[in-house]
Amino acid sequence: MKKLAFLAVSTAALALAACSDDPNETPITQEAAPDMDAEVLADDAMPVGGDLNETQQASYDAMDRQAVSDEYDTNRDNMMAESSSASGNSDAMASNTDSMSGSSGGTSASTSDNSGSNDAMADNSGGSDVAALPARSQMDFAYLDRNSDGQLSVAEYAIWAVRANPNTPVANDQTKPYISTDQINEAGQTFFYFDEDGNSYLSNAEFTTARNSARTPGGSTM
């Protein structure tokens, strides 16, 4: 019996080998894995949640929309001020470099020209000298956690999650509130969906889950 079984196995092996040598056989290739990061980290990729359970729905219904709006505006102003300050430091360094170049034989005309260019850029941005925020794809948990308490509020999360352009130049309060009630509701829907422990804040892990859910509108799902 053992010899018969061995013979059968050997015959099957030879048959498989013969099939693999068939020149007309289409080779089996492994499909390349899609580039998930490219879709997840796209600047127009938005978080995708699902239906809220009873507890999540109750938290969503109880969300103080006005408080979220006020906190969002404050955070946005602070972010833009920080970005503008950083930009100002860079401009100061560039100006010092230009001055050193001028003292070594350059002309002061280039400095005047650069100043004019900066004024033109300010005019093109709606009269504001506020620098742009980082791209949404570069906004990580630490950046969004404005009060550094290790968790994200709805307003902190909304800076990344809302379909609003956080880089719109802001010169005064005329554009406040920066997000609408509909946008707050949109952020709240996914916020409470990913709030797994139900404490009305997102931990780093919960935010990562939300971030990894992001899809480009019209793109394929993962």
N, C-alpha and C. Protein backbone atom coordinates (compact mmCIF):
# COMPACT_ATOMS: atom_id res chain seq x y z
N MET A 1 0.82 -1.20 0.00
CA MET A 1 0.00 0.00 0.00
C MET A 1 0.87 1.27 0.00
N LYS A 2 1.94 1.26 0.81
CA LYS A 2 2.81 2.45 0.87
C LYS A 2 3.43 2.74 -0.48
N LYS A 3 3.83 1.63 -1.22
CA LYS A 3 4.44 1.83 -2.53
C LYS A 3 3.42 2.41 -3.50
N LEU A 4 2.17 1.93 -3.43
CA LEU A 4 1.14 2.45 -4.32
C LEU A 4 0.86 3.93 -4.04
N ALA A 5 0.82 4.26 -2.75
CA ALA A 5 0.56 5.66 -2.38
C ALA A 5 1.70 6.55 -2.85
N PHE A 6 2.92 6.09 -2.69
CA PHE A 6 4.09 6.87 -3.13
C PHE A 6 4.05 7.06 -4.64
N LEU A 7 3.65 6.00 -5.37
CA LEU A 7 3.58 6.06 -6.82
C LEU A 7 2.53 7.08 -7.26
N ALA A 8 1.40 7.10 -6.55
CA ALA A 8 0.34 8.04 -6.90
C ALA A 8 0.79 9.48 -6.68
N VAL A 9 1.46 9.72 -5.58
CA VAL A 9 1.95 11.07 -5.29
C VAL A 9 2.98 11.50 -6.32
N SER A 10 3.88 10.58 -6.68
CA SER A 10 4.91 10.90 -7.67
C SER A 10 4.27 11.22 -9.02
N THR A 11 3.25 10.45 -9.40
CA THR A 11 2.57 10.69 -10.67
C THR A 11 1.92 12.06 -10.70
N ALA A 12 1.29 12.42 -9.59
CA ALA A 12 0.63 13.73 -9.51
C ALA A 12 1.65 14.85 -9.60
N ALA A 13 2.78 14.66 -8.95
CA ALA A 13 3.83 15.68 -8.99
C ALA A 13 4.36 15.87 -10.40
N LEU A 14 4.55 14.75 -11.10
CA LEU A 14 5.03 14.85 -12.49
C LEU A 14 4.02 15.55 -13.37
N ALA A 15 2.73 15.28 -13.13
CA ALA A 15 1.68 15.91 -13.94
C ALA A 15 1.68 17.42 -13.72
N LEU A 16 1.83 17.84 -12.47
CA LEU A 16 1.88 19.28 -12.18
C LEU A 16 3.10 19.93 -12.81
N ALA A 17 4.22 19.24 -12.75
CA ALA A 17 5.44 19.77 -13.35
C ALA A 17 5.29 19.93 -14.85
N ALA A 18 4.62 18.95 -15.47
CA ALA A 18 4.41 19.02 -16.91
C ALA A 18 3.53 20.20 -17.27
N CYS A 19 2.50 20.45 -16.42
CA CYS A 19 1.61 21.58 -16.69
C CYS A 19 2.36 22.90 -16.60
N SER A 20 3.27 23.00 -15.62
CA SER A 20 3.99 24.26 -15.43
C SER A 20 4.97 24.51 -16.56
N ASP A 21 5.33 23.47 -17.32
CA ASP A 21 6.26 23.65 -18.42
C ASP A 21 5.54 23.98 -19.72
N ASP A 22 4.21 24.00 -19.67
CA ASP A 22 3.43 24.27 -20.87
C ASP A 22 3.70 25.69 -21.33
N PRO A 23 4.26 25.88 -22.52
CA PRO A 23 4.59 27.23 -22.99
C PRO A 23 3.36 28.10 -23.23
N ASN A 24 2.19 27.46 -23.43
CA ASN A 24 0.96 28.22 -23.70
C ASN A 24 0.25 28.64 -22.43
N GLU A 25 0.75 28.20 -21.30
CA GLU A 25 0.08 28.51 -20.05
C GLU A 25 0.37 29.95 -19.64
N THR A 26 -0.69 30.64 -19.22
CA THR A 26 -0.53 32.03 -18.78
C THR A 26 0.02 32.03 -17.36
N PRO A 27 1.15 32.68 -17.14
CA PRO A 27 1.75 32.67 -15.80
C PRO A 27 0.86 33.40 -14.80
N ILE A 28 0.84 32.89 -13.58
CA ILE A 28 0.06 33.51 -12.52
C ILE A 28 0.91 34.60 -11.88
N THR A 29 0.40 35.80 -11.91
CA THR A 29 1.15 36.92 -11.33
C THR A 29 0.37 37.47 -10.15
N GLN A 30 1.09 37.95 -9.15
CA GLN A 30 0.48 38.54 -7.98
C GLN A 30 0.22 40.02 -8.23
N GLU A 31 -1.04 40.42 -8.00
CA GLU A 31 -1.39 41.81 -8.24
C GLU A 31 -0.65 42.72 -7.26
N ALA A 32 -0.21 43.83 -7.79
CA ALA A 32 0.50 44.78 -6.94
C ALA A 32 -0.46 45.39 -5.93
N ALA A 33 -0.02 45.51 -4.71
CA ALA A 33 -0.86 46.09 -3.67
C ALA A 33 -1.05 47.57 -3.95
N PRO A 34 -2.29 48.07 -3.80
CA PRO A 34 -2.50 49.50 -4.05
C PRO A 34 -1.73 50.36 -3.06
N ASP A 35 -1.41 51.54 -3.49
CA ASP A 35 -0.67 52.47 -2.64
C ASP A 35 -1.66 53.13 -1.69
N MET A 36 -1.87 52.50 -0.54
CA MET A 36 -2.87 52.98 0.39
C MET A 36 -2.52 54.37 0.92
N ASP A 37 -1.25 54.59 1.25
CA ASP A 37 -0.85 55.85 1.84
C ASP A 37 -1.15 57.02 0.92
N ALA A 38 -1.00 56.80 -0.40
CA ALA A 38 -1.23 57.88 -1.35
C ALA A 38 -2.67 58.36 -1.27
N GLU A 39 -3.61 57.42 -1.06
CA GLU A 39 -5.01 57.81 -0.98
C GLU A 39 -5.33 58.38 0.40
N VAL A 40 -4.85 57.72 1.43
CA VAL A 40 -5.16 58.14 2.80
C VAL A 40 -4.62 59.53 3.07
N LEU A 41 -3.43 59.83 2.58
CA LEU A 41 -2.76 61.08 2.90
C LEU A 41 -3.05 62.20 1.91
N ALA A 42 -3.92 61.94 0.93
CA ALA A 42 -4.24 62.99 -0.03
C ALA A 42 -4.93 64.14 0.69
N ASP A 43 -4.66 65.37 0.24
CA ASP A 43 -5.22 66.53 0.93
C ASP A 43 -6.73 66.62 0.78
N ASP A 44 -7.31 65.98 -0.24
CA ASP A 44 -8.76 66.03 -0.39
C ASP A 44 -9.43 64.77 0.13
N ALA A 45 -8.67 63.89 0.82
CA ALA A 45 -9.25 62.68 1.39
C ALA A 45 -9.96 63.01 2.69
N MET A 46 -11.19 62.55 2.82
CA MET A 46 -12.01 62.88 3.97
C MET A 46 -12.31 61.63 4.78
N PRO A 47 -12.46 61.75 6.13
CA PRO A 47 -12.76 60.59 6.96
C PRO A 47 -14.13 60.00 6.61
N VAL A 48 -14.22 58.68 6.67
CA VAL A 48 -15.46 57.98 6.37
C VAL A 48 -15.86 57.16 7.58
N GLY A 49 -17.00 57.48 8.16
CA GLY A 49 -17.51 56.74 9.32
C GLY A 49 -18.63 55.79 8.94
N GLY A 50 -19.60 55.69 9.80
CA GLY A 50 -20.73 54.81 9.56
C GLY A 50 -21.90 55.24 10.43
N ASP A 51 -22.88 54.36 10.56
CA ASP A 51 -24.04 54.68 11.39
C ASP A 51 -23.63 54.74 12.86
N LEU A 52 -24.13 55.75 13.56
CA LEU A 52 -23.84 55.90 14.97
C LEU A 52 -24.74 54.97 15.80
N ASN A 53 -24.15 54.38 16.83
CA ASN A 53 -24.98 53.58 17.73
C ASN A 53 -25.75 54.53 18.66
N GLU A 54 -26.54 53.97 19.55
CA GLU A 54 -27.40 54.80 20.39
C GLU A 54 -26.59 55.77 21.26
N THR A 55 -25.50 55.27 21.84
CA THR A 55 -24.67 56.12 22.70
C THR A 55 -23.99 57.21 21.89
N GLN A 56 -23.44 56.84 20.73
CA GLN A 56 -22.77 57.82 19.88
C GLN A 56 -23.75 58.88 19.38
N GLN A 57 -24.95 58.44 19.04
CA GLN A 57 -25.97 59.38 18.55
C GLN A 57 -26.36 60.37 19.65
N ALA A 58 -26.46 59.88 20.87
CA ALA A 58 -26.80 60.76 22.00
C ALA A 58 -25.71 61.81 22.20
N SER A 59 -24.43 61.40 22.09
CA SER A 59 -23.32 62.34 22.24
C SER A 59 -23.32 63.36 21.11
N TYR A 60 -23.61 62.89 19.92
CA TYR A 60 -23.67 63.78 18.75
C TYR A 60 -24.79 64.80 18.92
N ASP A 61 -25.96 64.35 19.36
CA ASP A 61 -27.10 65.25 19.54
C ASP A 61 -26.82 66.30 20.62
N ALA A 62 -26.04 65.90 21.65
CA ALA A 62 -25.76 66.81 22.76
C ALA A 62 -24.59 67.74 22.48
N MET A 63 -23.93 67.59 21.35
CA MET A 63 -22.76 68.42 21.02
C MET A 63 -23.15 69.90 21.00
N ASP A 64 -22.38 70.72 21.67
CA ASP A 64 -22.62 72.17 21.71
C ASP A 64 -22.01 72.78 20.45
N ARG A 65 -22.85 72.99 19.45
CA ARG A 65 -22.35 73.48 18.17
C ARG A 65 -21.70 74.86 18.28
N GLN A 66 -22.27 75.73 19.09
CA GLN A 66 -21.71 77.08 19.23
C GLN A 66 -20.34 77.03 19.89
N ALA A 67 -20.19 76.18 20.91
CA ALA A 67 -18.90 76.05 21.59
C ALA A 67 -17.85 75.50 20.63
N VAL A 68 -18.25 74.55 19.79
CA VAL A 68 -17.32 74.00 18.80
C VAL A 68 -16.90 75.09 17.83
N SER A 69 -17.85 75.89 17.38
CA SER A 69 -17.54 76.97 16.44
C SER A 69 -16.58 77.98 17.06
N ASP A 70 -16.84 78.37 18.30
CA ASP A 70 -15.99 79.35 18.97
C ASP A 70 -14.57 78.81 19.16
N GLU A 71 -14.47 77.55 19.59
CA GLU A 71 -13.15 76.95 19.79
C GLU A 71 -12.41 76.80 18.47
N TYR A 72 -13.14 76.41 17.44
CA TYR A 72 -12.53 76.28 16.11
C TYR A 72 -11.95 77.62 15.67
N ASP A 73 -12.71 78.70 15.83
CA ASP A 73 -12.24 80.03 15.42
C ASP A 73 -10.99 80.43 16.19
N THR A 74 -10.99 80.17 17.51
CA THR A 74 -9.83 80.51 18.33
C THR A 74 -8.60 79.71 17.90
N ASN A 75 -8.79 78.42 17.70
CA ASN A 75 -7.68 77.57 17.26
C ASN A 75 -7.16 78.02 15.90
N ARG A 76 -8.07 78.33 15.01
CA ARG A 76 -7.69 78.76 13.67
C ARG A 76 -6.88 80.04 13.73
N ASP A 77 -7.33 81.01 14.54
CA ASP A 77 -6.59 82.27 14.67
C ASP A 77 -5.19 82.03 15.22
N ASN A 78 -5.09 81.18 16.24
CA ASN A 78 -3.79 80.90 16.85
C ASN A 78 -2.86 80.19 15.87
N MET A 79 -3.41 79.26 15.10
CA MET A 79 -2.60 78.54 14.12
C MET A 79 -2.07 79.50 13.06
N MET A 80 -2.94 80.37 12.58
CA MET A 80 -2.52 81.30 11.54
C MET A 80 -1.48 82.28 12.08
N ALA A 81 -1.65 82.70 13.36
CA ALA A 81 -0.68 83.62 13.97
C ALA A 81 0.67 82.94 14.10
N GLU A 82 0.66 81.67 14.53
CA GLU A 82 1.92 80.93 14.66
C GLU A 82 2.59 80.78 13.31
N SER A 83 1.78 80.46 12.30
CA SER A 83 2.33 80.28 10.96
C SER A 83 2.89 81.59 10.41
N SER A 84 2.17 82.69 10.69
CA SER A 84 2.63 84.00 10.23
C SER A 84 3.92 84.39 10.93
N SER A 85 4.02 84.08 12.23
CA SER A 85 5.22 84.40 12.99
C SER A 85 6.42 83.64 12.44
N ALA A 86 6.19 82.36 12.14
CA ALA A 86 7.27 81.54 11.58
C ALA A 86 7.70 82.08 10.22
N SER A 87 6.70 82.52 9.43
CA SER A 87 7.02 83.09 8.13
C SER A 87 7.79 84.38 8.27
N GLY A 88 7.41 85.19 9.29
CA GLY A 88 8.10 86.45 9.53
C GLY A 88 9.55 86.23 9.91
N ASN A 89 9.80 85.21 10.71
CA ASN A 89 11.19 84.89 11.08
C ASN A 89 12.00 84.49 9.86
N SER A 90 11.36 83.73 8.96
CA SER A 90 12.05 83.33 7.73
C SER A 90 12.35 84.53 6.86
N ASP A 91 11.39 85.46 6.78
CA ASP A 91 11.60 86.67 5.97
C ASP A 91 12.73 87.51 6.57
N ALA A 92 12.78 87.56 7.91
CA ALA A 92 13.83 88.35 8.57
C ALA A 92 15.20 87.76 8.26
N MET A 93 15.29 86.44 8.28
CA MET A 93 16.55 85.80 7.96
C MET A 93 16.94 86.08 6.51
N ALA A 94 15.94 86.04 5.61
CA ALA A 94 16.22 86.32 4.20
C ALA A 94 16.67 87.76 4.03
N SER A 95 16.05 88.67 4.80
CA SER A 95 16.42 90.09 4.71
C SER A 95 17.85 90.31 5.18
N ASN A 96 18.22 89.62 6.26
CA ASN A 96 19.59 89.73 6.75
C ASN A 96 20.58 89.22 5.72
N THR A 97 20.19 88.14 5.05
CA THR A 97 21.05 87.58 4.00
C THR A 97 21.23 88.57 2.87
N ASP A 98 20.10 89.22 2.47
CA ASP A 98 20.16 90.22 1.40
C ASP A 98 21.05 91.39 1.80
N SER A 99 20.96 91.80 3.09
CA SER A 99 21.78 92.92 3.56
C SER A 99 23.26 92.59 3.50
N MET A 100 23.58 91.36 3.92
CA MET A 100 24.97 90.94 3.86
C MET A 100 25.45 90.89 2.42
N SER A 101 24.58 90.44 1.53
CA SER A 101 24.96 90.38 0.12
C SER A 101 25.19 91.77 -0.42
N GLY A 102 24.34 92.73 -0.02
CA GLY A 102 24.47 94.10 -0.49
C GLY A 102 25.75 94.74 -0.01
N SER A 103 26.14 94.44 1.25
CA SER A 103 27.35 95.05 1.79
C SER A 103 28.61 94.50 1.15
N SER A 104 28.47 93.37 0.46
CA SER A 104 29.65 92.78 -0.17
C SER A 104 29.70 93.10 -1.66
N GLY A 105 28.97 94.14 -2.05
CA GLY A 105 29.08 94.59 -3.44
C GLY A 105 27.76 94.62 -4.16
N GLY A 106 26.69 94.09 -3.55
CA GLY A 106 25.39 94.12 -4.22
C GLY A 106 24.78 95.50 -4.11
N THR A 107 23.65 95.71 -4.77
CA THR A 107 22.96 96.99 -4.73
C THR A 107 21.74 96.88 -3.85
N SER A 108 21.27 98.00 -3.33
CA SER A 108 20.09 98.02 -2.48
C SER A 108 18.82 97.92 -3.29
N ALA A 109 18.93 97.99 -4.59
CA ALA A 109 17.74 97.94 -5.43
C ALA A 109 17.05 96.60 -5.31
N SER A 110 17.83 95.53 -5.15
CA SER A 110 17.23 94.19 -5.08
C SER A 110 16.35 94.08 -3.85
N THR A 111 16.76 94.75 -2.75
CA THR A 111 15.95 94.71 -1.54
C THR A 111 14.62 95.39 -1.78
N SER A 112 14.65 96.52 -2.48
CA SER A 112 13.42 97.23 -2.78
C SER A 112 12.52 96.39 -3.67
N ASP A 113 13.13 95.71 -4.65
CA ASP A 113 12.35 94.87 -5.54
C ASP A 113 11.67 93.76 -4.78
N ASN A 114 12.40 93.13 -3.86
CA ASN A 114 11.82 92.05 -3.08
C ASN A 114 10.67 92.55 -2.23
N SER A 115 10.81 93.75 -1.70
CA SER A 115 9.75 94.33 -0.89
C SER A 115 8.50 94.52 -1.72
N GLY A 116 8.68 94.97 -2.96
CA GLY A 116 7.55 95.14 -3.84
C GLY A 116 6.87 93.82 -4.15
N SER A 117 7.68 92.78 -4.32
CA SER A 117 7.12 91.46 -4.60
C SER A 117 6.30 90.96 -3.42
N ASN A 118 6.80 91.22 -2.20
CA ASN A 118 6.07 90.80 -1.02
C ASN A 118 4.73 91.52 -0.93
N ASP A 119 4.72 92.83 -1.29
CA ASP A 119 3.47 93.57 -1.27
C ASP A 119 2.49 92.99 -2.27
N ALA A 120 3.01 92.57 -3.43
CA ALA A 120 2.14 92.00 -4.46
C ALA A 120 1.55 90.69 -3.99
N MET A 121 2.36 89.90 -3.29
CA MET A 121 1.86 88.64 -2.77
C MET A 121 0.78 88.88 -1.74
N ALA A 122 0.95 89.91 -0.92
CA ALA A 122 -0.06 90.24 0.07
C ALA A 122 -1.36 90.64 -0.61
N ASP A 123 -1.25 91.43 -1.70
CA ASP A 123 -2.45 91.84 -2.42
C ASP A 123 -3.15 90.64 -3.02
N ASN A 124 -2.38 89.68 -3.56
CA ASN A 124 -2.98 88.49 -4.17
C ASN A 124 -3.66 87.60 -3.16
N SER A 125 -3.29 87.70 -1.89
CA SER A 125 -3.88 86.86 -0.87
C SER A 125 -5.03 87.56 -0.16
N GLY A 126 -5.56 88.61 -0.79
CA GLY A 126 -6.70 89.27 -0.21
C GLY A 126 -6.32 90.34 0.81
N GLY A 127 -5.10 90.86 0.70
CA GLY A 127 -4.68 91.91 1.60
C GLY A 127 -4.20 91.39 2.95
N SER A 128 -3.97 90.10 3.07
CA SER A 128 -3.54 89.54 4.34
C SER A 128 -2.10 89.09 4.26
N ASP A 129 -1.37 89.30 5.38
CA ASP A 129 0.02 88.86 5.43
C ASP A 129 0.14 87.56 6.21
N VAL A 130 -0.98 86.85 6.38
CA VAL A 130 -1.00 85.60 7.13
C VAL A 130 -0.46 84.47 6.27
N ALA A 131 0.47 83.71 6.83
CA ALA A 131 1.06 82.59 6.09
C ALA A 131 0.10 81.40 6.12
N ALA A 132 0.28 80.50 5.17
CA ALA A 132 -0.58 79.32 5.05
C ALA A 132 -0.26 78.30 6.14
N LEU A 133 -1.28 77.55 6.52
CA LEU A 133 -1.10 76.45 7.46
C LEU A 133 -0.49 75.26 6.73
N PRO A 134 -0.02 74.27 7.46
CA PRO A 134 0.47 73.05 6.80
C PRO A 134 -0.66 72.40 5.99
N ALA A 135 -0.28 71.64 4.99
CA ALA A 135 -1.28 70.89 4.23
C ALA A 135 -2.01 69.92 5.16
N ARG A 136 -3.25 69.60 4.84
CA ARG A 136 -4.03 68.70 5.69
C ARG A 136 -3.32 67.36 5.87
N SER A 137 -2.63 66.90 4.83
CA SER A 137 -1.93 65.63 4.92
C SER A 137 -0.78 65.67 5.92
N GLN A 138 -0.35 66.88 6.29
CA GLN A 138 0.77 67.03 7.24
C GLN A 138 0.30 67.35 8.65
N MET A 139 -1.02 67.48 8.83
CA MET A 139 -1.55 67.79 10.15
C MET A 139 -1.66 66.50 10.97
N ASP A 140 -0.72 66.31 11.87
CA ASP A 140 -0.75 65.10 12.69
C ASP A 140 -1.43 65.38 14.02
N PHE A 141 -1.51 64.36 14.87
CA PHE A 141 -2.21 64.47 16.15
C PHE A 141 -1.61 65.58 17.01
N ALA A 142 -0.29 65.63 17.09
CA ALA A 142 0.36 66.62 17.94
C ALA A 142 0.05 68.04 17.48
N TYR A 143 -0.02 68.25 16.18
CA TYR A 143 -0.33 69.58 15.66
C TYR A 143 -1.76 69.99 15.98
N LEU A 144 -2.69 69.06 15.86
CA LEU A 144 -4.10 69.36 16.10
C LEU A 144 -4.43 69.51 17.58
N ASP A 145 -3.65 68.86 18.44
CA ASP A 145 -3.89 68.90 19.89
C ASP A 145 -3.40 70.25 20.43
N ARG A 146 -4.23 71.27 20.27
CA ARG A 146 -3.82 72.64 20.54
C ARG A 146 -3.49 72.91 22.01
N ASN A 147 -4.19 72.24 22.93
CA ASN A 147 -3.90 72.47 24.34
C ASN A 147 -3.00 71.40 24.94
N SER A 148 -2.49 70.51 24.10
CA SER A 148 -1.52 69.49 24.50
C SER A 148 -2.01 68.63 25.68
N ASP A 149 -3.30 68.27 25.64
CA ASP A 149 -3.84 67.43 26.71
C ASP A 149 -3.90 65.96 26.33
N GLY A 150 -3.34 65.61 25.18
CA GLY A 150 -3.30 64.21 24.78
C GLY A 150 -4.58 63.68 24.18
N GLN A 151 -5.50 64.57 23.82
CA GLN A 151 -6.76 64.15 23.21
C GLN A 151 -7.30 65.28 22.35
N LEU A 152 -8.14 64.93 21.39
CA LEU A 152 -8.69 65.93 20.49
C LEU A 152 -10.16 66.18 20.80
N SER A 153 -10.52 67.46 20.87
CA SER A 153 -11.92 67.84 20.97
C SER A 153 -12.51 67.84 19.56
N VAL A 154 -13.82 68.04 19.48
CA VAL A 154 -14.46 68.11 18.16
C VAL A 154 -13.85 69.25 17.35
N ALA A 155 -13.63 70.39 17.99
CA ALA A 155 -13.10 71.55 17.29
C ALA A 155 -11.67 71.32 16.80
N GLU A 156 -10.86 70.67 17.61
CA GLU A 156 -9.48 70.36 17.20
C GLU A 156 -9.49 69.36 16.04
N TYR A 157 -10.33 68.37 16.14
CA TYR A 157 -10.46 67.36 15.08
C TYR A 157 -10.98 68.01 13.79
N ALA A 158 -11.89 68.98 13.93
CA ALA A 158 -12.52 69.58 12.76
C ALA A 158 -11.53 70.34 11.89
N ILE A 159 -10.44 70.85 12.47
CA ILE A 159 -9.44 71.54 11.65
C ILE A 159 -8.97 70.63 10.52
N TRP A 160 -8.83 69.33 10.82
CA TRP A 160 -8.41 68.38 9.80
C TRP A 160 -9.59 67.79 9.04
N ALA A 161 -10.70 67.55 9.74
CA ALA A 161 -11.77 66.71 9.18
C ALA A 161 -12.80 67.44 8.33
N VAL A 162 -12.90 68.75 8.45
CA VAL A 162 -13.96 69.48 7.76
C VAL A 162 -13.54 69.85 6.35
N ARG A 163 -14.51 69.83 5.42
CA ARG A 163 -14.24 70.23 4.04
C ARG A 163 -14.18 71.76 3.93
N ALA A 164 -13.30 72.34 4.72
CA ALA A 164 -13.08 73.78 4.65
C ALA A 164 -11.59 74.00 4.41
N ASN A 165 -11.26 75.07 3.74
CA ASN A 165 -9.86 75.35 3.45
C ASN A 165 -9.26 76.15 4.60
N PRO A 166 -8.46 75.51 5.46
CA PRO A 166 -7.90 76.24 6.60
C PRO A 166 -6.84 77.24 6.20
N ASN A 167 -6.47 77.26 4.93
CA ASN A 167 -5.42 78.17 4.49
C ASN A 167 -5.96 79.45 3.85
N THR A 168 -7.29 79.65 3.92
CA THR A 168 -7.85 80.88 3.38
C THR A 168 -7.30 82.07 4.17
N PRO A 169 -6.71 83.05 3.50
CA PRO A 169 -6.14 84.19 4.22
C PRO A 169 -7.20 84.89 5.08
N VAL A 170 -6.83 85.25 6.27
CA VAL A 170 -7.75 85.90 7.19
C VAL A 170 -7.10 87.18 7.69
N ALA A 171 -7.70 88.33 7.36
CA ALA A 171 -7.15 89.61 7.80
C ALA A 171 -7.92 90.20 8.98
N ASN A 172 -9.18 89.80 9.13
CA ASN A 172 -10.00 90.35 10.22
C ASN A 172 -11.09 89.35 10.55
N ASP A 173 -12.05 89.77 11.35
CA ASP A 173 -13.09 88.87 11.82
C ASP A 173 -14.28 88.77 10.87
N GLN A 174 -14.19 89.39 9.71
CA GLN A 174 -15.34 89.44 8.82
C GLN A 174 -15.74 88.06 8.30
N THR A 175 -14.81 87.11 8.29
CA THR A 175 -15.13 85.79 7.77
C THR A 175 -15.57 84.82 8.86
N LYS A 176 -15.62 85.26 10.11
CA LYS A 176 -16.06 84.39 11.19
C LYS A 176 -17.58 84.28 11.18
N PRO A 177 -18.11 83.12 11.59
CA PRO A 177 -17.38 81.90 11.94
C PRO A 177 -16.76 81.25 10.71
N TYR A 178 -15.64 80.58 10.90
CA TYR A 178 -14.90 80.02 9.78
C TYR A 178 -15.56 78.76 9.21
N ILE A 179 -16.35 78.07 10.00
CA ILE A 179 -17.07 76.89 9.51
C ILE A 179 -18.55 77.03 9.83
N SER A 180 -19.35 76.40 9.01
CA SER A 180 -20.80 76.47 9.17
C SER A 180 -21.29 75.38 10.12
N THR A 181 -22.56 75.48 10.50
CA THR A 181 -23.16 74.45 11.34
C THR A 181 -23.17 73.11 10.61
N ASP A 182 -23.43 73.13 9.31
CA ASP A 182 -23.41 71.89 8.53
C ASP A 182 -22.04 71.23 8.58
N GLN A 183 -20.99 72.02 8.51
CA GLN A 183 -19.63 71.48 8.56
C GLN A 183 -19.31 70.93 9.95
N ILE A 184 -19.81 71.60 10.99
CA ILE A 184 -19.62 71.09 12.34
C ILE A 184 -20.34 69.76 12.50
N ASN A 185 -21.55 69.67 11.97
CA ASN A 185 -22.30 68.42 12.04
C ASN A 185 -21.58 67.30 11.27
N GLU A 186 -21.00 67.66 10.15
CA GLU A 186 -20.26 66.69 9.34
C GLU A 186 -19.07 66.14 10.12
N ALA A 187 -18.34 67.05 10.79
CA ALA A 187 -17.20 66.61 11.60
C ALA A 187 -17.67 65.77 12.78
N GLY A 188 -18.78 66.19 13.40
CA GLY A 188 -19.30 65.46 14.56
C GLY A 188 -19.72 64.05 14.24
N GLN A 189 -20.27 63.84 13.06
CA GLN A 189 -20.71 62.50 12.66
C GLN A 189 -19.56 61.51 12.69
N THR A 190 -18.44 61.88 12.10
CA THR A 190 -17.30 60.96 12.09
C THR A 190 -16.56 60.98 13.42
N PHE A 191 -16.53 62.13 14.08
CA PHE A 191 -15.85 62.23 15.37
C PHE A 191 -16.43 61.22 16.36
N PHE A 192 -17.74 61.23 16.54
CA PHE A 192 -18.35 60.35 17.54
C PHE A 192 -18.37 58.89 17.07
N TYR A 193 -18.31 58.69 15.76
CA TYR A 193 -18.22 57.32 15.25
C TYR A 193 -16.89 56.69 15.66
N PHE A 194 -15.82 57.47 15.62
CA PHE A 194 -14.49 56.95 15.95
C PHE A 194 -14.15 57.10 17.44
N ASP A 195 -15.04 57.73 18.20
CA ASP A 195 -14.84 57.86 19.65
C ASP A 195 -15.25 56.54 20.31
N GLU A 196 -14.35 55.58 20.27
CA GLU A 196 -14.68 54.21 20.68
C GLU A 196 -15.01 54.09 22.17
N ASP A 197 -14.35 54.86 23.02
CA ASP A 197 -14.60 54.75 24.46
C ASP A 197 -15.71 55.67 24.93
N GLY A 198 -16.26 56.49 24.02
CA GLY A 198 -17.41 57.32 24.35
C GLY A 198 -17.14 58.45 25.32
N ASN A 199 -15.89 58.93 25.41
CA ASN A 199 -15.57 60.01 26.35
C ASN A 199 -15.64 61.39 25.71
N SER A 200 -16.13 61.46 24.47
CA SER A 200 -16.30 62.72 23.74
C SER A 200 -14.97 63.39 23.38
N TYR A 201 -13.90 62.60 23.35
CA TYR A 201 -12.60 63.05 22.87
C TYR A 201 -11.99 61.93 22.04
N LEU A 202 -11.06 62.28 21.18
CA LEU A 202 -10.36 61.27 20.40
C LEU A 202 -8.93 61.13 20.91
N SER A 203 -8.56 59.90 21.22
CA SER A 203 -7.18 59.61 21.57
C SER A 203 -6.34 59.57 20.30
N ASN A 204 -5.04 59.45 20.46
CA ASN A 204 -4.16 59.35 19.30
C ASN A 204 -4.54 58.14 18.45
N ALA A 205 -4.83 57.01 19.12
CA ALA A 205 -5.19 55.79 18.39
C ALA A 205 -6.52 55.96 17.67
N GLU A 206 -7.48 56.60 18.31
CA GLU A 206 -8.79 56.81 17.67
C GLU A 206 -8.66 57.76 16.48
N PHE A 207 -7.84 58.79 16.62
CA PHE A 207 -7.63 59.70 15.49
C PHE A 207 -6.93 58.98 14.34
N THR A 208 -5.98 58.12 14.67
CA THR A 208 -5.29 57.36 13.63
C THR A 208 -6.29 56.50 12.85
N THR A 209 -7.24 55.90 13.55
CA THR A 209 -8.28 55.11 12.88
C THR A 209 -9.10 55.99 11.95
N ALA A 210 -9.46 57.17 12.43
CA ALA A 210 -10.22 58.11 11.59
C ALA A 210 -9.39 58.52 10.38
N ARG A 211 -8.13 58.81 10.60
CA ARG A 211 -7.24 59.24 9.51
C ARG A 211 -7.09 58.13 8.47
N ASN A 212 -6.97 56.90 8.94
CA ASN A 212 -6.81 55.78 8.02
C ASN A 212 -8.08 55.45 7.26
N SER A 213 -9.21 55.99 7.70
CA SER A 213 -10.47 55.75 7.00
C SER A 213 -10.65 56.69 5.82
N ALA A 214 -9.79 57.71 5.74
CA ALA A 214 -9.99 58.79 4.77
C ALA A 214 -10.02 58.28 3.34
N ARG A 215 -10.91 58.84 2.57
CA ARG A 215 -11.05 58.50 1.16
C ARG A 215 -11.11 59.79 0.34
N THR A 216 -10.57 59.72 -0.86
CA THR A 216 -10.71 60.83 -1.79
C THR A 216 -12.09 60.77 -2.39
N PRO A 217 -12.85 61.88 -2.39
CA PRO A 217 -14.19 61.84 -2.97
C PRO A 217 -14.19 61.27 -4.37
N GLY A 218 -15.04 60.26 -4.59
CA GLY A 218 -15.12 59.60 -5.89
C GLY A 218 -14.10 58.49 -6.06
N GLY A 219 -13.19 58.33 -5.09
CA GLY A 219 -12.18 57.28 -5.17
C GLY A 219 -12.71 55.95 -4.68
N SER A 220 -11.92 54.90 -4.84
CA SER A 220 -12.32 53.58 -4.41
C SER A 220 -12.15 53.44 -2.90
N THR A 221 -12.92 52.53 -2.32
CA THR A 221 -12.83 52.29 -0.89
C THR A 221 -11.80 51.21 -0.60
N MET A 222 -11.31 51.19 0.65
CA MET A 222 -10.32 50.21 1.03
C MET A 222 -10.95 49.17 1.92
